Amino acid sequence: MNANNNECFTFTRATKAKFTDLTENEVKSVKVSFGLKIEFSIERNCKTQYMEHYFRENEALIFNRHDED
């Protein structure tokens, strides 16, 4: 096992509980926005053609702590 990886895992285990407790106690709301990128490709006449499209939700969703009820 790589010593550096072991140090990273130890650090993660030590800080995970602290981070979780902090976010549960301090974060009152979260703002989320979603997007989806679609890439298409097709082979025509021995050439590959590509197309991509990005779908984005314009309105952000806000989750407040009091919304849990």
PDB file of N, CA and C in Angstrom:
ATOM      1  N   MET A   1       0.842  -1.186   0.000  1.00  0.00           N
ATOM      2  CA  MET A   1       0.000   0.000   0.000  1.00  0.00           C
ATOM      3  C   MET A   1       0.885   1.245   0.000  1.00  0.00           C
ATOM      4  N   ASN A   2       0.491   2.210  -0.763  1.00  0.00           N
ATOM      5  CA  ASN A   2       1.220   3.461  -0.861  1.00  0.00           C
ATOM      6  C   ASN A   2       1.006   4.278   0.416  1.00  0.00           C
ATOM      7  N   ALA A   3       2.094   4.742   1.005  1.00  0.00           N
ATOM      8  CA  ALA A   3       2.005   5.507   2.260  1.00  0.00           C
ATOM      9  C   ALA A   3       1.196   6.785   2.073  1.00  0.00           C
ATOM     10  N   ASN A   4       1.316   7.436   0.918  1.00  0.00           N
ATOM     11  CA  ASN A   4       0.559   8.666   0.664  1.00  0.00           C
ATOM     12  C   ASN A   4      -0.938   8.402   0.628  1.00  0.00           C
ATOM     13  N   ASN A   5      -1.344   7.285   0.018  1.00  0.00           N
ATOM     14  CA  ASN A   5      -2.762   6.936  -0.018  1.00  0.00           C
ATOM     15  C   ASN A   5      -3.278   6.679   1.388  1.00  0.00           C
ATOM     16  N   ASN A   6      -2.488   6.002   2.212  1.00  0.00           N
ATOM     17  CA  ASN A   6      -2.887   5.715   3.582  1.00  0.00           C
ATOM     18  C   ASN A   6      -3.099   7.011   4.349  1.00  0.00           C
ATOM     19  N   GLU A   7      -2.238   7.996   4.141  1.00  0.00           N
ATOM     20  CA  GLU A   7      -2.384   9.293   4.803  1.00  0.00           C
ATOM     21  C   GLU A   7      -3.666   9.994   4.354  1.00  0.00           C
ATOM     22  N   CYS A   8      -3.991   9.895   3.071  1.00  0.00           N
ATOM     23  CA  CYS A   8      -5.219  10.515   2.557  1.00  0.00           C
ATOM     24  C   CYS A   8      -6.448   9.868   3.180  1.00  0.00           C
ATOM     25  N   PHE A   9      -6.451   8.546   3.287  1.00  0.00           N
ATOM     26  CA  PHE A   9      -7.590   7.846   3.874  1.00  0.00           C
ATOM     27  C   PHE A   9      -7.735   8.198   5.350  1.00  0.00           C
ATOM     28  N   THR A  10      -6.616   8.287   6.055  1.00  0.00           N
ATOM     29  CA  THR A  10      -6.653   8.643   7.471  1.00  0.00           C
ATOM     30  C   THR A  10      -7.210  10.053   7.636  1.00  0.00           C
ATOM     31  N   PHE A  11      -6.749  10.983   6.799  1.00  0.00           N
ATOM     32  CA  PHE A  11      -7.238  12.358   6.844  1.00  0.00           C
ATOM     33  C   PHE A  11      -8.740  12.404   6.564  1.00  0.00           C
ATOM     34  N   THR A  12      -9.181  11.641   5.565  1.00  0.00           N
ATOM     35  CA  THR A  12     -10.602  11.620   5.200  1.00  0.00           C
ATOM     36  C   THR A  12     -11.456  11.094   6.343  1.00  0.00           C
ATOM     37  N   ARG A  13     -11.027  10.003   6.939  1.00  0.00           N
ATOM     38  CA  ARG A  13     -11.789   9.444   8.065  1.00  0.00           C
ATOM     39  C   ARG A  13     -11.847  10.421   9.229  1.00  0.00           C
ATOM     40  N   ALA A  14     -10.740  11.107   9.495  1.00  0.00           N
ATOM     41  CA  ALA A  14     -10.675  12.025  10.638  1.00  0.00           C
ATOM     42  C   ALA A  14     -11.541  13.262  10.416  1.00  0.00           C
ATOM     43  N   THR A  15     -11.663  13.723   9.181  1.00  0.00           N
ATOM     44  CA  THR A  15     -12.393  14.965   8.935  1.00  0.00           C
ATOM     45  C   THR A  15     -13.835  14.747   8.495  1.00  0.00           C
ATOM     46  N   LYS A  16     -14.196  13.534   8.106  1.00  0.00           N
ATOM     47  CA  LYS A  16     -15.552  13.287   7.604  1.00  0.00           C
ATOM     48  C   LYS A  16     -16.607  13.630   8.656  1.00  0.00           C
ATOM     49  N   ALA A  17     -16.452  13.141   9.862  1.00  0.00           N
ATOM     50  CA  ALA A  17     -17.434  13.401  10.917  1.00  0.00           C
ATOM     51  C   ALA A  17     -17.494  14.886  11.252  1.00  0.00           C
ATOM     52  N   LYS A  18     -16.345  15.543  11.317  1.00  0.00           N
ATOM     53  CA  LYS A  18     -16.314  16.973  11.623  1.00  0.00           C
ATOM     54  C   LYS A  18     -17.040  17.774  10.536  1.00  0.00           C
ATOM     55  N   PHE A  19     -16.782  17.428   9.287  1.00  0.00           N
ATOM     56  CA  PHE A  19     -17.409  18.127   8.162  1.00  0.00           C
ATOM     57  C   PHE A  19     -18.918  17.892   8.160  1.00  0.00           C
ATOM     58  N   THR A  20     -19.332  16.654   8.388  1.00  0.00           N
ATOM     59  CA  THR A  20     -20.757  16.328   8.416  1.00  0.00           C
ATOM     60  C   THR A  20     -21.465  17.083   9.529  1.00  0.00           C
ATOM     61  N   ASP A  21     -20.885  17.096  10.707  1.00  0.00           N
ATOM     62  CA  ASP A  21     -21.486  17.824  11.828  1.00  0.00           C
ATOM     63  C   ASP A  21     -21.580  19.314  11.530  1.00  0.00           C
ATOM     64  N   LEU A  22     -20.533  19.874  10.979  1.00  0.00           N
ATOM     65  CA  LEU A  22     -20.524  21.299  10.668  1.00  0.00           C
ATOM     66  C   LEU A  22     -21.607  21.640   9.657  1.00  0.00           C
ATOM     67  N   THR A  23     -21.723  20.869   8.578  1.00  0.00           N
ATOM     68  CA  THR A  23     -22.724  21.180   7.565  1.00  0.00           C
ATOM     69  C   THR A  23     -24.135  20.997   8.087  1.00  0.00           C
ATOM     70  N   GLU A  24     -24.360  19.984   8.915  1.00  0.00           N
ATOM     71  CA  GLU A  24     -25.699  19.777   9.464  1.00  0.00           C
ATOM     72  C   GLU A  24     -26.096  20.919  10.401  1.00  0.00           C
ATOM     73  N   ASN A  25     -25.152  21.467  11.117  1.00  0.00           N
ATOM     74  CA  ASN A  25     -25.451  22.512  12.089  1.00  0.00           C
ATOM     75  C   ASN A  25     -25.426  23.923  11.505  1.00  0.00           C
ATOM     76  N   GLU A  26     -24.634  24.157  10.484  1.00  0.00           N
ATOM     77  CA  GLU A  26     -24.423  25.514   9.992  1.00  0.00           C
ATOM     78  C   GLU A  26     -25.152  25.839   8.695  1.00  0.00           C
ATOM     79  N   VAL A  27     -25.334  24.859   7.823  1.00  0.00           N
ATOM     80  CA  VAL A  27     -25.948  25.128   6.522  1.00  0.00           C
ATOM     81  C   VAL A  27     -27.461  25.169   6.685  1.00  0.00           C
ATOM     82  N   LYS A  28     -28.054  26.281   6.305  1.00  0.00           N
ATOM     83  CA  LYS A  28     -29.501  26.459   6.449  1.00  0.00           C
ATOM     84  C   LYS A  28     -30.242  26.204   5.146  1.00  0.00           C
ATOM     85  N   SER A  29     -29.601  26.461   4.007  1.00  0.00           N
ATOM     86  CA  SER A  29     -30.249  26.217   2.718  1.00  0.00           C
ATOM     87  C   SER A  29     -29.188  25.884   1.672  1.00  0.00           C
ATOM     88  N   VAL A  30     -29.639  25.221   0.620  1.00  0.00           N
ATOM     89  CA  VAL A  30     -28.754  24.825  -0.480  1.00  0.00           C
ATOM     90  C   VAL A  30     -29.432  25.217  -1.788  1.00  0.00           C
ATOM     91  N   LYS A  31     -28.675  25.818  -2.680  1.00  0.00           N
ATOM     92  CA  LYS A  31     -29.185  26.220  -3.989  1.00  0.00           C
ATOM     93  C   LYS A  31     -28.583  25.276  -5.034  1.00  0.00           C
ATOM     94  N   VAL A  32     -29.453  24.647  -5.839  1.00  0.00           N
ATOM     95  CA  VAL A  32     -29.015  23.637  -6.794  1.00  0.00           C
ATOM     96  C   VAL A  32     -29.520  23.995  -8.184  1.00  0.00           C
ATOM     97  N   SER A  33     -28.661  23.828  -9.167  1.00  0.00           N
ATOM     98  CA  SER A  33     -29.032  24.024 -10.562  1.00  0.00           C
ATOM     99  C   SER A  33     -28.530  22.821 -11.348  1.00  0.00           C
ATOM    100  N   PHE A  34     -29.344  22.334 -12.277  1.00  0.00           N
ATOM    101  CA  PHE A  34     -28.996  21.139 -13.024  1.00  0.00           C
ATOM    102  C   PHE A  34     -28.752  21.458 -14.492  1.00  0.00           C
ATOM    103  N   GLY A  35     -27.865  20.688 -15.096  1.00  0.00           N
ATOM    104  CA  GLY A  35     -27.606  20.792 -16.515  1.00  0.00           C
ATOM    105  C   GLY A  35     -27.293  19.425 -17.076  1.00  0.00           C
ATOM    106  N   LEU A  36     -27.492  19.252 -18.375  1.00  0.00           N
ATOM    107  CA  LEU A  36     -27.242  17.968 -19.024  1.00  0.00           C
ATOM    108  C   LEU A  36     -26.628  18.230 -20.392  1.00  0.00           C
ATOM    109  N   LYS A  37     -25.483  17.658 -20.632  1.00  0.00           N
ATOM    110  CA  LYS A  37     -24.816  17.794 -21.920  1.00  0.00           C
ATOM    111  C   LYS A  37     -24.959  16.474 -22.671  1.00  0.00           C
ATOM    112  N   ILE A  38     -25.508  16.540 -23.891  1.00  0.00           N
ATOM    113  CA  ILE A  38     -25.713  15.355 -24.725  1.00  0.00           C
ATOM    114  C   ILE A  38     -24.802  15.477 -25.944  1.00  0.00           C
ATOM    115  N   GLU A  39     -24.076  14.424 -26.221  1.00  0.00           N
ATOM    116  CA  GLU A  39     -23.222  14.385 -27.407  1.00  0.00           C
ATOM    117  C   GLU A  39     -23.682  13.253 -28.315  1.00  0.00           C
ATOM    118  N   PHE A  40     -23.874  13.587 -29.584  1.00  0.00           N
ATOM    119  CA  PHE A  40     -24.293  12.615 -30.580  1.00  0.00           C
ATOM    120  C   PHE A  40     -23.187  12.462 -31.615  1.00  0.00           C
ATOM    121  N   SER A  41     -23.084  11.272 -32.171  1.00  0.00           N
ATOM    122  CA  SER A  41     -22.185  11.076 -33.306  1.00  0.00           C
ATOM    123  C   SER A  41     -22.831  10.072 -34.255  1.00  0.00           C
ATOM    124  N   ILE A  42     -22.570  10.256 -35.553  1.00  0.00           N
ATOM    125  CA  ILE A  42     -23.102   9.352 -36.561  1.00  0.00           C
ATOM    126  C   ILE A  42     -22.059   9.188 -37.664  1.00  0.00           C
ATOM    127  N   GLU A  43     -22.008   8.009 -38.206  1.00  0.00           N
ATOM    128  CA  GLU A  43     -21.071   7.705 -39.280  1.00  0.00           C
ATOM    129  C   GLU A  43     -21.833   7.782 -40.602  1.00  0.00           C
ATOM    130  N   ARG A  44     -21.431   8.715 -41.467  1.00  0.00           N
ATOM    131  CA  ARG A  44     -22.056   8.872 -42.789  1.00  0.00           C
ATOM    132  C   ARG A  44     -20.978   9.018 -43.842  1.00  0.00           C
ATOM    133  N   ASN A  45     -21.101   8.246 -44.887  1.00  0.00           N
ATOM    134  CA  ASN A  45     -20.158   8.333 -46.013  1.00  0.00           C
ATOM    135  C   ASN A  45     -18.711   8.266 -45.529  1.00  0.00           C
ATOM    136  N   CYS A  46     -18.449   7.353 -44.609  1.00  0.00           N
ATOM    137  CA  CYS A  46     -17.107   7.132 -44.053  1.00  0.00           C
ATOM    138  C   CYS A  46     -16.574   8.342 -43.267  1.00  0.00           C
ATOM    139  N   LYS A  47     -17.453   9.218 -42.863  1.00  0.00           N
ATOM    140  CA  LYS A  47     -17.064  10.359 -42.044  1.00  0.00           C
ATOM    141  C   LYS A  47     -17.931  10.366 -40.786  1.00  0.00           C
ATOM    142  N   THR A  48     -17.309  10.734 -39.681  1.00  0.00           N
ATOM    143  CA  THR A  48     -18.045  10.831 -38.429  1.00  0.00           C
ATOM    144  C   THR A  48     -18.470  12.272 -38.212  1.00  0.00           C
ATOM    145  N   GLN A  49     -19.762  12.457 -37.980  1.00  0.00           N
ATOM    146  CA  GLN A  49     -20.304  13.787 -37.708  1.00  0.00           C
ATOM    147  C   GLN A  49     -20.702  13.844 -36.238  1.00  0.00           C
ATOM    148  N   TYR A  50     -20.463  14.984 -35.614  1.00  0.00           N
ATOM    149  CA  TYR A  50     -20.744  15.153 -34.187  1.00  0.00           C
ATOM    150  C   TYR A  50     -21.717  16.303 -33.971  1.00  0.00           C
ATOM    151  N   MET A  51     -22.504  16.169 -32.932  1.00  0.00           N
ATOM    152  CA  MET A  51     -23.401  17.237 -32.524  1.00  0.00           C
ATOM    153  C   MET A  51     -23.522  17.163 -31.003  1.00  0.00           C
ATOM    154  N   GLU A  52     -23.573  18.302 -30.370  1.00  0.00           N
ATOM    155  CA  GLU A  52     -23.783  18.310 -28.932  1.00  0.00           C
ATOM    156  C   GLU A  52     -24.811  19.377 -28.577  1.00  0.00           C
ATOM    157  N   HIS A  53     -25.527  19.103 -27.505  1.00  0.00           N
ATOM    158  CA  HIS A  53     -26.535  20.048 -27.047  1.00  0.00           C
ATOM    159  C   HIS A  53     -26.499  20.067 -25.526  1.00  0.00           C
ATOM    160  N   TYR A  54     -26.680  21.248 -24.970  1.00  0.00           N
ATOM    161  CA  TYR A  54     -26.646  21.413 -23.524  1.00  0.00           C
ATOM    162  C   TYR A  54     -28.020  21.870 -23.052  1.00  0.00           C
ATOM    163  N   PHE A  55     -28.628  21.088 -22.178  1.00  0.00           N
ATOM    164  CA  PHE A  55     -29.906  21.435 -21.585  1.00  0.00           C
ATOM    165  C   PHE A  55     -29.630  21.949 -20.170  1.00  0.00           C
ATOM    166  N   ARG A  56     -30.201  23.085 -19.847  1.00  0.00           N
ATOM    167  CA  ARG A  56     -29.977  23.657 -18.517  1.00  0.00           C
ATOM    168  C   ARG A  56     -31.298  24.123 -17.941  1.00  0.00           C
ATOM    169  N   GLU A  57     -31.508  23.797 -16.702  1.00  0.00           N
ATOM    170  CA  GLU A  57     -32.687  24.287 -15.980  1.00  0.00           C
ATOM    171  C   GLU A  57     -32.393  25.723 -15.577  1.00  0.00           C
ATOM    172  N   ASN A  58     -33.185  26.652 -16.050  1.00  0.00           N
ATOM    173  CA  ASN A  58     -32.928  28.070 -15.785  1.00  0.00           C
ATOM    174  C   ASN A  58     -33.209  28.464 -14.342  1.00  0.00           C
ATOM    175  N   GLU A  59     -34.181  27.831 -13.740  1.00  0.00           N
ATOM    176  CA  GLU A  59     -34.545  28.201 -12.386  1.00  0.00           C
ATOM    177  C   GLU A  59     -33.835  27.296 -11.383  1.00  0.00           C
ATOM    178  N   ALA A  60     -33.099  27.882 -10.484  1.00  0.00           N
ATOM    179  CA  ALA A  60     -32.400  27.112  -9.456  1.00  0.00           C
ATOM    180  C   ALA A  60     -33.399  26.637  -8.406  1.00  0.00           C
ATOM    181  N   LEU A  61     -33.135  25.460  -7.875  1.00  0.00           N
ATOM    182  CA  LEU A  61     -33.961  24.927  -6.803  1.00  0.00           C
ATOM    183  C   LEU A  61     -33.298  25.258  -5.472  1.00  0.00           C
ATOM    184  N   ILE A  62     -34.069  25.734  -4.528  1.00  0.00           N
ATOM    185  CA  ILE A  62     -33.540  26.086  -3.214  1.00  0.00           C
ATOM    186  C   ILE A  62     -34.189  25.183  -2.172  1.00  0.00           C
ATOM    187  N   PHE A  63     -33.358  24.482  -1.447  1.00  0.00           N
ATOM    188  CA  PHE A  63     -33.820  23.597  -0.381  1.00  0.00           C
ATOM    189  C   PHE A  63     -33.470  24.242   0.954  1.00  0.00           C
ATOM    190  N   ASN A  64     -34.491  24.535   1.747  1.00  0.00           N
ATOM    191  CA  ASN A  64     -34.293  25.113   3.067  1.00  0.00           C
ATOM    192  C   ASN A  64     -34.469  24.041   4.119  1.00  0.00           C
ATOM    193  N   ARG A  65     -33.834  24.241   5.238  1.00  0.00           N
ATOM    194  CA  ARG A  65     -33.931  23.272   6.328  1.00  0.00           C
ATOM    195  C   ARG A  65     -35.383  23.068   6.748  1.00  0.00           C
ATOM    196  N   HIS A  66     -36.188  24.121   6.785  1.00  0.00           N
ATOM    197  CA  HIS A  66     -37.576  23.975   7.217  1.00  0.00           C
ATOM    198  C   HIS A  66     -38.435  23.239   6.192  1.00  0.00           C
ATOM    199  N   ASP A  67     -37.920  22.974   4.987  1.00  0.00           N
ATOM    200  CA  ASP A  67     -38.645  22.217   3.978  1.00  0.00           C
ATOM    201  C   ASP A  67     -38.703  20.729   4.285  1.00  0.00           C
ATOM    202  N   GLU A  68     -37.943  20.266   5.255  1.00  0.00           N
ATOM    203  CA  GLU A  68     -37.904  18.833   5.582  1.00  0.00           C
ATOM    204  C   GLU A  68     -39.249  18.341   6.088  1.00  0.00           C
ATOM    205  N   ASP A  69     -40.042  19.211   6.684  1.00  0.00           N
ATOM    206  CA  ASP A  69     -41.317  18.814   7.276  1.00  0.00           C
ATOM    207  C   ASP A  69     -42.346  18.476   6.267  1.00  0.00           C
TER     208      ASP A  69
END
